[in-house]
Amino acid sequence: TAIGQLNGMLSAAIGLRVFLFEWDGSHLVGRALWESNFYTTDLYSVNHVLVAVDIQRSLWMLLWEPDTWQLHPLAYDNHREATTASGFLIDGTSISFVNATQEGNVSLLDYALDA
């Protein structure tokens, strides 16, 4: 279970689902749902991208499309590592994700925007 934000909306991971909610002034209104195959332990966002971190399957990047109100898988780390902490680094036009694993390893994942 994890809670975060994306462009002013509440992001919540409960069980195998990732939800996006928007506050309408009196209620939380569901805006998007993504069914995953893992249990999210952390959520954070970069622009229109929501990053979901899992203890067994590393991280997934989900693209938020505000025009269609949908979350789509954008990229994921195909190395199944026991990720215990994750963050990101932005350097000009490049973005990298840092993962710390249960084994004590730290890995840097570069996201290729032009690929």
PDB file of N, CA and C in Angstrom:
ATOM      1  N   THR A   1       0.845  -1.183   0.000  1.00  0.00           N
ATOM      2  CA  THR A   1       0.000   0.000   0.000  1.00  0.00           C
ATOM      3  C   THR A   1       0.887   1.242   0.000  1.00  0.00           C
ATOM      4  N   ALA A   2       0.496   2.217  -0.827  1.00  0.00           N
ATOM      5  CA  ALA A   2       1.290   3.439  -0.917  1.00  0.00           C
ATOM      6  C   ALA A   2       0.381   4.601  -1.320  1.00  0.00           C
ATOM      7  N   ILE A   3       0.796   5.808  -0.959  1.00  0.00           N
ATOM      8  CA  ILE A   3       0.060   7.022  -1.307  1.00  0.00           C
ATOM      9  C   ILE A   3       1.050   8.028  -1.877  1.00  0.00           C
ATOM     10  N   GLY A   4       0.629   8.749  -2.914  1.00  0.00           N
ATOM     11  CA  GLY A   4       1.458   9.777  -3.516  1.00  0.00           C
ATOM     12  C   GLY A   4       0.575  10.810  -4.188  1.00  0.00           C
ATOM     13  N   GLN A   5       1.168  11.593  -5.076  1.00  0.00           N
ATOM     14  CA  GLN A   5       0.401  12.592  -5.813  1.00  0.00           C
ATOM     15  C   GLN A   5       0.885  12.641  -7.248  1.00  0.00           C
ATOM     16  N   LEU A   6      -0.005  13.067  -8.127  1.00  0.00           N
ATOM     17  CA  LEU A   6       0.337  13.240  -9.528  1.00  0.00           C
ATOM     18  C   LEU A   6      -0.489  14.395 -10.063  1.00  0.00           C
ATOM     19  N   ASN A   7       0.172  15.491 -10.403  1.00  0.00           N
ATOM     20  CA  ASN A   7      -0.490  16.675 -10.960  1.00  0.00           C
ATOM     21  C   ASN A   7      -1.705  17.127 -10.144  1.00  0.00           C
ATOM     22  N   GLY A   8      -1.550  17.186  -8.836  1.00  0.00           N
ATOM     23  CA  GLY A   8      -2.619  17.650  -7.966  1.00  0.00           C
ATOM     24  C   GLY A   8      -3.654  16.607  -7.615  1.00  0.00           C
ATOM     25  N   MET A   9      -3.490  15.392  -8.104  1.00  0.00           N
ATOM     26  CA  MET A   9      -4.413  14.308  -7.775  1.00  0.00           C
ATOM     27  C   MET A   9      -3.766  13.366  -6.769  1.00  0.00           C
ATOM     28  N   LEU A  10      -4.585  12.681  -6.005  1.00  0.00           N
ATOM     29  CA  LEU A  10      -4.117  11.694  -5.047  1.00  0.00           C
ATOM     30  C   LEU A  10      -3.903  10.382  -5.780  1.00  0.00           C
ATOM     31  N   SER A  11      -2.718   9.805  -5.652  1.00  0.00           N
ATOM     32  CA  SER A  11      -2.472   8.470  -6.186  1.00  0.00           C
ATOM     33  C   SER A  11      -2.400   7.519  -5.000  1.00  0.00           C
ATOM     34  N   ALA A  12      -3.052   6.374  -5.142  1.00  0.00           N
ATOM     35  CA  ALA A  12      -3.091   5.386  -4.068  1.00  0.00           C
ATOM     36  C   ALA A  12      -2.952   3.995  -4.654  1.00  0.00           C
ATOM     37  N   ALA A  13      -2.096   3.199  -4.052  1.00  0.00           N
ATOM     38  CA  ALA A  13      -1.933   1.806  -4.449  1.00  0.00           C
ATOM     39  C   ALA A  13      -2.488   0.945  -3.326  1.00  0.00           C
ATOM     40  N   ILE A  14      -3.477   0.141  -3.660  1.00  0.00           N
ATOM     41  CA  ILE A  14      -4.122  -0.729  -2.692  1.00  0.00           C
ATOM     42  C   ILE A  14      -4.194  -2.116  -3.315  1.00  0.00           C
ATOM     43  N   GLY A  15      -3.513  -3.071  -2.696  1.00  0.00           N
ATOM     44  CA  GLY A  15      -3.468  -4.407  -3.273  1.00  0.00           C
ATOM     45  C   GLY A  15      -2.770  -4.373  -4.616  1.00  0.00           C
ATOM     46  N   LEU A  16      -3.412  -4.924  -5.639  1.00  0.00           N
ATOM     47  CA  LEU A  16      -2.831  -4.974  -6.980  1.00  0.00           C
ATOM     48  C   LEU A  16      -3.275  -3.822  -7.861  1.00  0.00           C
ATOM     49  N   ARG A  17      -3.918  -2.810  -7.286  1.00  0.00           N
ATOM     50  CA  ARG A  17      -4.467  -1.707  -8.075  1.00  0.00           C
ATOM     51  C   ARG A  17      -3.813  -0.370  -7.717  1.00  0.00           C
ATOM     52  N   VAL A  18      -3.669   0.460  -8.744  1.00  0.00           N
ATOM     53  CA  VAL A  18      -3.200   1.832  -8.556  1.00  0.00           C
ATOM     54  C   VAL A  18      -4.345   2.744  -8.994  1.00  0.00           C
ATOM     55  N   PHE A  19      -4.759   3.639  -8.107  1.00  0.00           N
ATOM     56  CA  PHE A  19      -5.875   4.550  -8.352  1.00  0.00           C
ATOM     57  C   PHE A  19      -5.380   5.987  -8.440  1.00  0.00           C
ATOM     58  N   LEU A  20      -6.091   6.807  -9.211  1.00  0.00           N
ATOM     59  CA  LEU A  20      -5.917   8.257  -9.188  1.00  0.00           C
ATOM     60  C   LEU A  20      -7.259   8.864  -8.796  1.00  0.00           C
ATOM     61  N   PHE A  21      -7.230   9.772  -7.817  1.00  0.00           N
ATOM     62  CA  PHE A  21      -8.427  10.449  -7.338  1.00  0.00           C
ATOM     63  C   PHE A  21      -8.238  11.956  -7.462  1.00  0.00           C
ATOM     64  N   GLU A  22      -9.318  12.648  -7.727  1.00  0.00           N
ATOM     65  CA  GLU A  22      -9.305  14.108  -7.778  1.00  0.00           C
ATOM     66  C   GLU A  22     -10.304  14.638  -6.763  1.00  0.00           C
ATOM     67  N   TRP A  23      -9.936  15.691  -6.056  1.00  0.00           N
ATOM     68  CA  TRP A  23     -10.801  16.329  -5.068  1.00  0.00           C
ATOM     69  C   TRP A  23     -11.691  17.336  -5.784  1.00  0.00           C
ATOM     70  N   ASP A  24     -13.017  17.195  -5.655  1.00  0.00           N
ATOM     71  CA  ASP A  24     -13.930  18.111  -6.345  1.00  0.00           C
ATOM     72  C   ASP A  24     -14.461  19.214  -5.435  1.00  0.00           C
ATOM     73  N   GLY A  25     -13.904  19.321  -4.249  1.00  0.00           N
ATOM     74  CA  GLY A  25     -14.339  20.334  -3.289  1.00  0.00           C
ATOM     75  C   GLY A  25     -15.091  19.738  -2.114  1.00  0.00           C
ATOM     76  N   SER A  26     -15.691  18.556  -2.324  1.00  0.00           N
ATOM     77  CA  SER A  26     -16.390  17.890  -1.221  1.00  0.00           C
ATOM     78  C   SER A  26     -16.168  16.385  -1.195  1.00  0.00           C
ATOM     79  N   HIS A  27     -15.738  15.794  -2.312  1.00  0.00           N
ATOM     80  CA  HIS A  27     -15.535  14.350  -2.385  1.00  0.00           C
ATOM     81  C   HIS A  27     -14.297  14.013  -3.221  1.00  0.00           C
ATOM     82  N   LEU A  28     -13.752  12.830  -2.968  1.00  0.00           N
ATOM     83  CA  LEU A  28     -12.720  12.286  -3.851  1.00  0.00           C
ATOM     84  C   LEU A  28     -13.422  11.569  -4.994  1.00  0.00           C
ATOM     85  N   VAL A  29     -13.057  11.918  -6.214  1.00  0.00           N
ATOM     86  CA  VAL A  29     -13.663  11.331  -7.405  1.00  0.00           C
ATOM     87  C   VAL A  29     -12.608  10.478  -8.099  1.00  0.00           C
ATOM     88  N   GLY A  30     -12.922   9.216  -8.351  1.00  0.00           N
ATOM     89  CA  GLY A  30     -12.006   8.329  -9.048  1.00  0.00           C
ATOM     90  C   GLY A  30     -11.804   8.771 -10.481  1.00  0.00           C
ATOM     91  N   ARG A  31     -10.550   8.879 -10.928  1.00  0.00           N
ATOM     92  CA  ARG A  31     -10.246   9.325 -12.286  1.00  0.00           C
ATOM     93  C   ARG A  31      -9.555   8.264 -13.126  1.00  0.00           C
ATOM     94  N   ALA A  32      -8.802   7.371 -12.507  1.00  0.00           N
ATOM     95  CA  ALA A  32      -8.101   6.343 -13.276  1.00  0.00           C
ATOM     96  C   ALA A  32      -7.814   5.138 -12.385  1.00  0.00           C
ATOM     97  N   LEU A  33      -7.676   3.988 -13.033  1.00  0.00           N
ATOM     98  CA  LEU A  33      -7.364   2.725 -12.358  1.00  0.00           C
ATOM     99  C   LEU A  33      -6.404   1.956 -13.242  1.00  0.00           C
ATOM    100  N   TRP A  34      -5.358   1.391 -12.632  1.00  0.00           N
ATOM    101  CA  TRP A  34      -4.444   0.512 -13.353  1.00  0.00           C
ATOM    102  C   TRP A  34      -4.293  -0.763 -12.547  1.00  0.00           C
ATOM    103  N   GLU A  35      -4.544  -1.896 -13.190  1.00  0.00           N
ATOM    104  CA  GLU A  35      -4.409  -3.211 -12.561  1.00  0.00           C
ATOM    105  C   GLU A  35      -2.980  -3.703 -12.777  1.00  0.00           C
ATOM    106  N   SER A  36      -2.263  -3.942 -11.691  1.00  0.00           N
ATOM    107  CA  SER A  36      -0.889  -4.413 -11.798  1.00  0.00           C
ATOM    108  C   SER A  36      -0.827  -5.902 -11.458  1.00  0.00           C
ATOM    109  N   ASN A  37       0.360  -6.443 -11.524  1.00  0.00           N
ATOM    110  CA  ASN A  37       0.569  -7.827 -11.092  1.00  0.00           C
ATOM    111  C   ASN A  37       1.564  -7.883  -9.937  1.00  0.00           C
ATOM    112  N   PHE A  38       1.633  -6.791  -9.171  1.00  0.00           N
ATOM    113  CA  PHE A  38       2.511  -6.726  -8.015  1.00  0.00           C
ATOM    114  C   PHE A  38       1.905  -5.808  -6.957  1.00  0.00           C
ATOM    115  N   TYR A  39       2.477  -5.850  -5.775  1.00  0.00           N
ATOM    116  CA  TYR A  39       2.021  -5.014  -4.665  1.00  0.00           C
ATOM    117  C   TYR A  39       2.939  -3.803  -4.534  1.00  0.00           C
ATOM    118  N   THR A  40       2.413  -2.634  -4.790  1.00  0.00           N
ATOM    119  CA  THR A  40       3.185  -1.398  -4.761  1.00  0.00           C
ATOM    120  C   THR A  40       3.509  -1.004  -3.327  1.00  0.00           C
ATOM    121  N   THR A  41       4.779  -0.650  -3.100  1.00  0.00           N
ATOM    122  CA  THR A  41       5.207  -0.225  -1.771  1.00  0.00           C
ATOM    123  C   THR A  41       5.539   1.259  -1.707  1.00  0.00           C
ATOM    124  N   ASP A  42       5.669   1.917  -2.872  1.00  0.00           N
ATOM    125  CA  ASP A  42       5.966   3.350  -2.910  1.00  0.00           C
ATOM    126  C   ASP A  42       5.473   3.921  -4.231  1.00  0.00           C
ATOM    127  N   LEU A  43       4.995   5.167  -4.195  1.00  0.00           N
ATOM    128  CA  LEU A  43       4.544   5.884  -5.380  1.00  0.00           C
ATOM    129  C   LEU A  43       5.161   7.272  -5.373  1.00  0.00           C
ATOM    130  N   TYR A  44       5.680   7.706  -6.494  1.00  0.00           N
ATOM    131  CA  TYR A  44       6.091   9.098  -6.643  1.00  0.00           C
ATOM    132  C   TYR A  44       5.905   9.490  -8.099  1.00  0.00           C
ATOM    133  N   SER A  45       5.924  10.786  -8.364  1.00  0.00           N
ATOM    134  CA  SER A  45       5.631  11.244  -9.722  1.00  0.00           C
ATOM    135  C   SER A  45       6.688  12.218 -10.225  1.00  0.00           C
ATOM    136  N   VAL A  46       6.831  12.226 -11.564  1.00  0.00           N
ATOM    137  CA  VAL A  46       7.691  13.143 -12.288  1.00  0.00           C
ATOM    138  C   VAL A  46       6.872  13.587 -13.500  1.00  0.00           C
ATOM    139  N   ASN A  47       6.467  14.858 -13.532  1.00  0.00           N
ATOM    140  CA  ASN A  47       5.611  15.386 -14.607  1.00  0.00           C
ATOM    141  C   ASN A  47       4.346  14.540 -14.754  1.00  0.00           C
ATOM    142  N   HIS A  48       4.123  13.937 -15.920  1.00  0.00           N
ATOM    143  CA  HIS A  48       2.936  13.107 -16.146  1.00  0.00           C
ATOM    144  C   HIS A  48       3.220  11.627 -15.941  1.00  0.00           C
ATOM    145  N   VAL A  49       4.305  11.305 -15.259  1.00  0.00           N
ATOM    146  CA  VAL A  49       4.693   9.911 -15.058  1.00  0.00           C
ATOM    147  C   VAL A  49       4.582   9.564 -13.579  1.00  0.00           C
ATOM    148  N   LEU A  50       3.877   8.476 -13.307  1.00  0.00           N
ATOM    149  CA  LEU A  50       3.753   7.948 -11.952  1.00  0.00           C
ATOM    150  C   LEU A  50       4.664   6.735 -11.858  1.00  0.00           C
ATOM    151  N   VAL A  51       5.526   6.699 -10.856  1.00  0.00           N
ATOM    152  CA  VAL A  51       6.456   5.592 -10.665  1.00  0.00           C
ATOM    153  C   VAL A  51       5.951   4.740  -9.515  1.00  0.00           C
ATOM    154  N   ALA A  52       5.730   3.462  -9.795  1.00  0.00           N
ATOM    155  CA  ALA A  52       5.268   2.506  -8.789  1.00  0.00           C
ATOM    156  C   ALA A  52       6.431   1.574  -8.460  1.00  0.00           C
ATOM    157  N   VAL A  53       6.760   1.459  -7.181  1.00  0.00           N
ATOM    158  CA  VAL A  53       7.882   0.645  -6.725  1.00  0.00           C
ATOM    159  C   VAL A  53       7.337  -0.590  -6.016  1.00  0.00           C
ATOM    160  N   ASP A  54       7.949  -1.738  -6.299  1.00  0.00           N
ATOM    161  CA  ASP A  54       7.540  -2.999  -5.703  1.00  0.00           C
ATOM    162  C   ASP A  54       8.742  -3.667  -5.041  1.00  0.00           C
ATOM    163  N   ILE A  55       8.518  -4.348  -3.943  1.00  0.00           N
ATOM    164  CA  ILE A  55       9.602  -4.980  -3.196  1.00  0.00           C
ATOM    165  C   ILE A  55      10.231  -6.134  -3.977  1.00  0.00           C
ATOM    166  N   GLN A  56       9.495  -6.769  -4.899  1.00  0.00           N
ATOM    167  CA  GLN A  56      10.033  -7.916  -5.626  1.00  0.00           C
ATOM    168  C   GLN A  56      10.308  -7.651  -7.100  1.00  0.00           C
ATOM    169  N   ARG A  57       9.638  -6.667  -7.694  1.00  0.00           N
ATOM    170  CA  ARG A  57       9.763  -6.478  -9.144  1.00  0.00           C
ATOM    171  C   ARG A  57      10.304  -5.107  -9.526  1.00  0.00           C
ATOM    172  N   SER A  58      11.033  -4.477  -8.643  1.00  0.00           N
ATOM    173  CA  SER A  58      11.676  -3.197  -8.924  1.00  0.00           C
ATOM    174  C   SER A  58      10.659  -2.091  -9.186  1.00  0.00           C
ATOM    175  N   LEU A  59      10.722  -1.398 -10.328  1.00  0.00           N
ATOM    176  CA  LEU A  59       9.813  -0.266 -10.540  1.00  0.00           C
ATOM    177  C   LEU A  59       9.173  -0.286 -11.918  1.00  0.00           C
ATOM    178  N   TRP A  60       8.007   0.357 -11.977  1.00  0.00           N
ATOM    179  CA  TRP A  60       7.244   0.547 -13.211  1.00  0.00           C
ATOM    180  C   TRP A  60       6.973   2.025 -13.367  1.00  0.00           C
ATOM    181  N   MET A  61       6.999   2.516 -14.607  1.00  0.00           N
ATOM    182  CA  MET A  61       6.632   3.894 -14.916  1.00  0.00           C
ATOM    183  C   MET A  61       5.295   3.870 -15.639  1.00  0.00           C
ATOM    184  N   LEU A  62       4.335   4.635 -15.119  1.00  0.00           N
ATOM    185  CA  LEU A  62       3.001   4.703 -15.709  1.00  0.00           C
ATOM    186  C   LEU A  62       2.775   6.112 -16.250  1.00  0.00           C
ATOM    187  N   LEU A  63       2.382   6.211 -17.504  1.00  0.00           N
ATOM    188  CA  LEU A  63       2.135   7.501 -18.129  1.00  0.00           C
ATOM    189  C   LEU A  63       0.687   7.916 -17.886  1.00  0.00           C
ATOM    190  N   TRP A  64       0.496   9.121 -17.356  1.00  0.00           N
ATOM    191  CA  TRP A  64      -0.836   9.680 -17.143  1.00  0.00           C
ATOM    192  C   TRP A  64      -1.206  10.496 -18.371  1.00  0.00           C
ATOM    193  N   GLU A  65      -2.312  10.121 -19.012  1.00  0.00           N
ATOM    194  CA  GLU A  65      -2.817  10.865 -20.161  1.00  0.00           C
ATOM    195  C   GLU A  65      -4.069  11.626 -19.736  1.00  0.00           C
ATOM    196  N   PRO A  66      -3.931  12.928 -19.433  1.00  0.00           N
ATOM    197  CA  PRO A  66      -5.069  13.692 -18.910  1.00  0.00           C
ATOM    198  C   PRO A  66      -6.216  13.843 -19.903  1.00  0.00           C
ATOM    199  N   ASP A  67      -5.927  13.789 -21.209  1.00  0.00           N
ATOM    200  CA  ASP A  67      -6.998  13.920 -22.203  1.00  0.00           C
ATOM    201  C   ASP A  67      -7.946  12.732 -22.184  1.00  0.00           C
ATOM    202  N   THR A  68      -7.406  11.532 -21.932  1.00  0.00           N
ATOM    203  CA  THR A  68      -8.235  10.317 -21.928  1.00  0.00           C
ATOM    204  C   THR A  68      -8.480   9.783 -20.523  1.00  0.00           C
ATOM    205  N   TRP A  69      -7.903  10.418 -19.497  1.00  0.00           N
ATOM    206  CA  TRP A  69      -8.035  10.006 -18.099  1.00  0.00           C
ATOM    207  C   TRP A  69      -7.586   8.555 -17.913  1.00  0.00           C
ATOM    208  N   GLN A  70      -6.416   8.205 -18.471  1.00  0.00           N
ATOM    209  CA  GLN A  70      -5.925   6.832 -18.368  1.00  0.00           C
ATOM    210  C   GLN A  70      -4.469   6.787 -17.934  1.00  0.00           C
ATOM    211  N   LEU A  71      -4.127   5.704 -17.248  1.00  0.00           N
ATOM    212  CA  LEU A  71      -2.747   5.375 -16.916  1.00  0.00           C
ATOM    213  C   LEU A  71      -2.307   4.242 -17.835  1.00  0.00           C
ATOM    214  N   HIS A  72      -1.129   4.403 -18.462  1.00  0.00           N
ATOM    215  CA  HIS A  72      -0.601   3.376 -19.358  1.00  0.00           C
ATOM    216  C   HIS A  72       0.816   3.020 -18.927  1.00  0.00           C
ATOM    217  N   PRO A  73       1.167   1.726 -18.960  1.00  0.00           N
ATOM    218  CA  PRO A  73       2.556   1.350 -18.676  1.00  0.00           C
ATOM    219  C   PRO A  73       3.481   1.985 -19.709  1.00  0.00           C
ATOM    220  N   LEU A  74       4.513   2.660 -19.237  1.00  0.00           N
ATOM    221  CA  LEU A  74       5.464   3.342 -20.103  1.00  0.00           C
ATOM    222  C   LEU A  74       6.778   2.567 -20.184  1.00  0.00           C
ATOM    223  N   ALA A  75       7.277   2.131 -19.024  1.00  0.00           N
ATOM    224  CA  ALA A  75       8.539   1.394 -18.958  1.00  0.00           C
ATOM    225  C   ALA A  75       8.611   0.681 -17.614  1.00  0.00           C
ATOM    226  N   TYR A  76       9.493  -0.297 -17.537  1.00  0.00           N
ATOM    227  CA  TYR A  76       9.728  -0.976 -16.268  1.00  0.00           C
ATOM    228  C   TYR A  76      11.143  -1.516 -16.245  1.00  0.00           C
ATOM    229  N   ASP A  77      11.616  -1.806 -15.038  1.00  0.00           N
ATOM    230  CA  ASP A  77      12.929  -2.409 -14.857  1.00  0.00           C
ATOM    231  C   ASP A  77      12.746  -3.916 -14.951  1.00  0.00           C
ATOM    232  N   ASN A  78      13.382  -4.552 -15.941  1.00  0.00           N
ATOM    233  CA  ASN A  78      13.185  -5.986 -16.115  1.00  0.00           C
ATOM    234  C   ASN A  78      14.075  -6.842 -15.232  1.00  0.00           C
ATOM    235  N   HIS A  79      14.889  -6.222 -14.382  1.00  0.00           N
ATOM    236  CA  HIS A  79      15.677  -6.964 -13.397  1.00  0.00           C
ATOM    237  C   HIS A  79      14.848  -7.072 -12.126  1.00  0.00           C
ATOM    238  N   ARG A  80      14.450  -8.253 -11.788  1.00  0.00           N
ATOM    239  CA  ARG A  80      13.609  -8.440 -10.599  1.00  0.00           C
ATOM    240  C   ARG A  80      14.480  -8.412  -9.357  1.00  0.00           C
ATOM    241  N   GLU A  81      14.583  -7.218  -8.776  1.00  0.00           N
ATOM    242  CA  GLU A  81      15.379  -7.028  -7.577  1.00  0.00           C
ATOM    243  C   GLU A  81      14.469  -6.628  -6.421  1.00  0.00           C
ATOM    244  N   ALA A  82      14.849  -7.014  -5.236  1.00  0.00           N
ATOM    245  CA  ALA A  82      14.084  -6.664  -4.041  1.00  0.00           C
ATOM    246  C   ALA A  82      14.366  -5.207  -3.693  1.00  0.00           C
ATOM    247  N   THR A  83      13.631  -4.284  -4.312  1.00  0.00           N
ATOM    248  CA  THR A  83      13.842  -2.851  -4.118  1.00  0.00           C
ATOM    249  C   THR A  83      13.257  -2.410  -2.784  1.00  0.00           C
ATOM    250  N   THR A  84      14.099  -1.825  -1.944  1.00  0.00           N
ATOM    251  CA  THR A  84      13.639  -1.350  -0.635  1.00  0.00           C
ATOM    252  C   THR A  84      13.481   0.163  -0.603  1.00  0.00           C
ATOM    253  N   ALA A  85      14.159   0.881  -1.497  1.00  0.00           N
ATOM    254  CA  ALA A  85      14.029   2.336  -1.580  1.00  0.00           C
ATOM    255  C   ALA A  85      14.315   2.757  -3.015  1.00  0.00           C
ATOM    256  N   SER A  86      13.664   3.832  -3.442  1.00  0.00           N
ATOM    257  CA  SER A  86      13.840   4.302  -4.805  1.00  0.00           C
ATOM    258  C   SER A  86      13.684   5.811  -4.841  1.00  0.00           C
ATOM    259  N   GLY A  87      14.317   6.432  -5.809  1.00  0.00           N
ATOM    260  CA  GLY A  87      14.207   7.876  -5.999  1.00  0.00           C
ATOM    261  C   GLY A  87      14.586   8.201  -7.421  1.00  0.00           C
ATOM    262  N   PHE A  88      14.638   9.484  -7.750  1.00  0.00           N
ATOM    263  CA  PHE A  88      15.002   9.868  -9.108  1.00  0.00           C
ATOM    264  C   PHE A  88      15.916  11.081  -9.097  1.00  0.00           C
ATOM    265  N   LEU A  89      16.666  11.212 -10.200  1.00  0.00           N
ATOM    266  CA  LEU A  89      17.578  12.328 -10.401  1.00  0.00           C
ATOM    267  C   LEU A  89      17.260  12.953 -11.747  1.00  0.00           C
ATOM    268  N   ILE A  90      17.132  14.271 -11.794  1.00  0.00           N
ATOM    269  CA  ILE A  90      16.903  14.977 -13.051  1.00  0.00           C
ATOM    270  C   ILE A  90      18.104  15.875 -13.308  1.00  0.00           C
ATOM    271  N   ASP A  91      18.679  15.722 -14.500  1.00  0.00           N
ATOM    272  CA  ASP A  91      19.838  16.519 -14.888  1.00  0.00           C
ATOM    273  C   ASP A  91      19.561  17.089 -16.272  1.00  0.00           C
ATOM    274  N   GLY A  92      19.027  18.283 -16.312  1.00  0.00           N
ATOM    275  CA  GLY A  92      18.683  18.905 -17.588  1.00  0.00           C
ATOM    276  C   GLY A  92      17.531  18.178 -18.257  1.00  0.00           C
ATOM    277  N   THR A  93      17.824  17.489 -19.355  1.00  0.00           N
ATOM    278  CA  THR A  93      16.774  16.774 -20.081  1.00  0.00           C
ATOM    279  C   THR A  93      16.779  15.272 -19.814  1.00  0.00           C
ATOM    280  N   SER A  94      17.673  14.791 -18.976  1.00  0.00           N
ATOM    281  CA  SER A  94      17.729  13.357 -18.692  1.00  0.00           C
ATOM    282  C   SER A  94      17.204  13.064 -17.293  1.00  0.00           C
ATOM    283  N   ILE A  95      16.656  11.867 -17.147  1.00  0.00           N
ATOM    284  CA  ILE A  95      16.140  11.427 -15.855  1.00  0.00           C
ATOM    285  C   ILE A  95      16.678  10.033 -15.567  1.00  0.00           C
ATOM    286  N   SER A  96      17.058   9.810 -14.328  1.00  0.00           N
ATOM    287  CA  SER A  96      17.560   8.510 -13.887  1.00  0.00           C
ATOM    288  C   SER A  96      16.848   8.123 -12.605  1.00  0.00           C
ATOM    289  N   PHE A  97      16.699   6.836 -12.408  1.00  0.00           N
ATOM    290  CA  PHE A  97      16.062   6.313 -11.209  1.00  0.00           C
ATOM    291  C   PHE A  97      17.096   5.547 -10.409  1.00  0.00           C
ATOM    292  N   VAL A  98      17.086   5.743  -9.107  1.00  0.00           N
ATOM    293  CA  VAL A  98      18.032   5.098  -8.208  1.00  0.00           C
ATOM    294  C   VAL A  98      17.261   4.077  -7.386  1.00  0.00           C
ATOM    295  N   ASN A  99      17.751   2.841  -7.376  1.00  0.00           N
ATOM    296  CA  ASN A  99      17.130   1.778  -6.592  1.00  0.00           C
ATOM    297  C   ASN A  99      18.127   1.246  -5.584  1.00  0.00           C
ATOM    298  N   ALA A 100      17.683   1.063  -4.356  1.00  0.00           N
ATOM    299  CA  ALA A 100      18.468   0.374  -3.338  1.00  0.00           C
ATOM    300  C   ALA A 100      17.785  -0.965  -3.081  1.00  0.00           C
ATOM    301  N   THR A 101      18.570  -2.023  -3.078  1.00  0.00           N
ATOM    302  CA  THR A 101      18.001  -3.360  -2.943  1.00  0.00           C
ATOM    303  C   THR A 101      18.214  -3.928  -1.546  1.00  0.00           C
ATOM    304  N   GLN A 102      17.491  -4.999  -1.294  1.00  0.00           N
ATOM    305  CA  GLN A 102      17.576  -5.683  -0.008  1.00  0.00           C
ATOM    306  C   GLN A 102      18.977  -6.244   0.227  1.00  0.00           C
ATOM    307  N   GLU A 103      19.693  -6.550  -0.848  1.00  0.00           N
ATOM    308  CA  GLU A 103      21.045  -7.103  -0.742  1.00  0.00           C
ATOM    309  C   GLU A 103      22.095  -6.030  -0.473  1.00  0.00           C
ATOM    310  N   GLY A 104      21.695  -4.745  -0.457  1.00  0.00           N
ATOM    311  CA  GLY A 104      22.629  -3.658  -0.210  1.00  0.00           C
ATOM    312  C   GLY A 104      23.220  -3.055  -1.469  1.00  0.00           C
ATOM    313  N   ASN A 105      22.679  -3.405  -2.622  1.00  0.00           N
ATOM    314  CA  ASN A 105      23.157  -2.845  -3.887  1.00  0.00           C
ATOM    315  C   ASN A 105      22.389  -1.581  -4.227  1.00  0.00           C
ATOM    316  N   VAL A 106      23.053  -0.679  -4.921  1.00  0.00           N
ATOM    317  CA  VAL A 106      22.404   0.528  -5.441  1.00  0.00           C
ATOM    318  C   VAL A 106      22.576   0.528  -6.952  1.00  0.00           C
ATOM    319  N   SER A 107      21.469   0.678  -7.668  1.00  0.00           N
ATOM    320  CA  SER A 107      21.552   0.693  -9.127  1.00  0.00           C
ATOM    321  C   SER A 107      20.962   1.988  -9.662  1.00  0.00           C
ATOM    322  N   LEU A 108      21.512   2.430 -10.778  1.00  0.00           N
ATOM    323  CA  LEU A 108      21.064   3.645 -11.437  1.00  0.00           C
ATOM    324  C   LEU A 108      20.472   3.244 -12.777  1.00  0.00           C
ATOM    325  N   LEU A 109      19.208   3.579 -13.000  1.00  0.00           N
ATOM    326  CA  LEU A 109      18.513   3.232 -14.233  1.00  0.00           C
ATOM    327  C   LEU A 109      18.271   4.509 -15.015  1.00  0.00           C
ATOM    328  N   ASP A 110      18.836   4.604 -16.195  1.00  0.00           N
ATOM    329  CA  ASP A 110      18.635   5.776 -17.055  1.00  0.00           C
ATOM    330  C   ASP A 110      17.428   5.537 -17.937  1.00  0.00           C
ATOM    331  N   TYR A 111      16.557   6.520 -18.011  1.00  0.00           N
ATOM    332  CA  TYR A 111      15.412   6.436 -18.904  1.00  0.00           C
ATOM    333  C   TYR A 111      15.749   7.144 -20.195  1.00  0.00           C
ATOM    334  N   ALA A 112      15.712   6.412 -21.298  1.00  0.00           N
ATOM    335  CA  ALA A 112      16.067   6.950 -22.610  1.00  0.00           C
ATOM    336  C   ALA A 112      14.845   7.610 -23.225  1.00  0.00           C
ATOM    337  N   LEU A 113      14.750   8.934 -23.146  1.00  0.00           N
ATOM    338  CA  LEU A 113      13.598   9.655 -23.661  1.00  0.00           C
ATOM    339  C   LEU A 113      13.493   9.582 -25.173  1.00  0.00           C
ATOM    340  N   ASP A 114      14.608   9.488 -25.872  1.00  0.00           N
ATOM    341  CA  ASP A 114      14.605   9.494 -27.337  1.00  0.00           C
ATOM    342  C   ASP A 114      14.442   8.114 -27.954  1.00  0.00           C
ATOM    343  N   ALA A 115      14.499   7.065 -27.161  1.00  0.00           N
ATOM    344  CA  ALA A 115      14.449   5.693 -27.703  1.00  0.00           C
ATOM    345  C   ALA A 115      13.047   5.320 -28.124  1.00  0.00           C
TER     346      ALA A 115
END
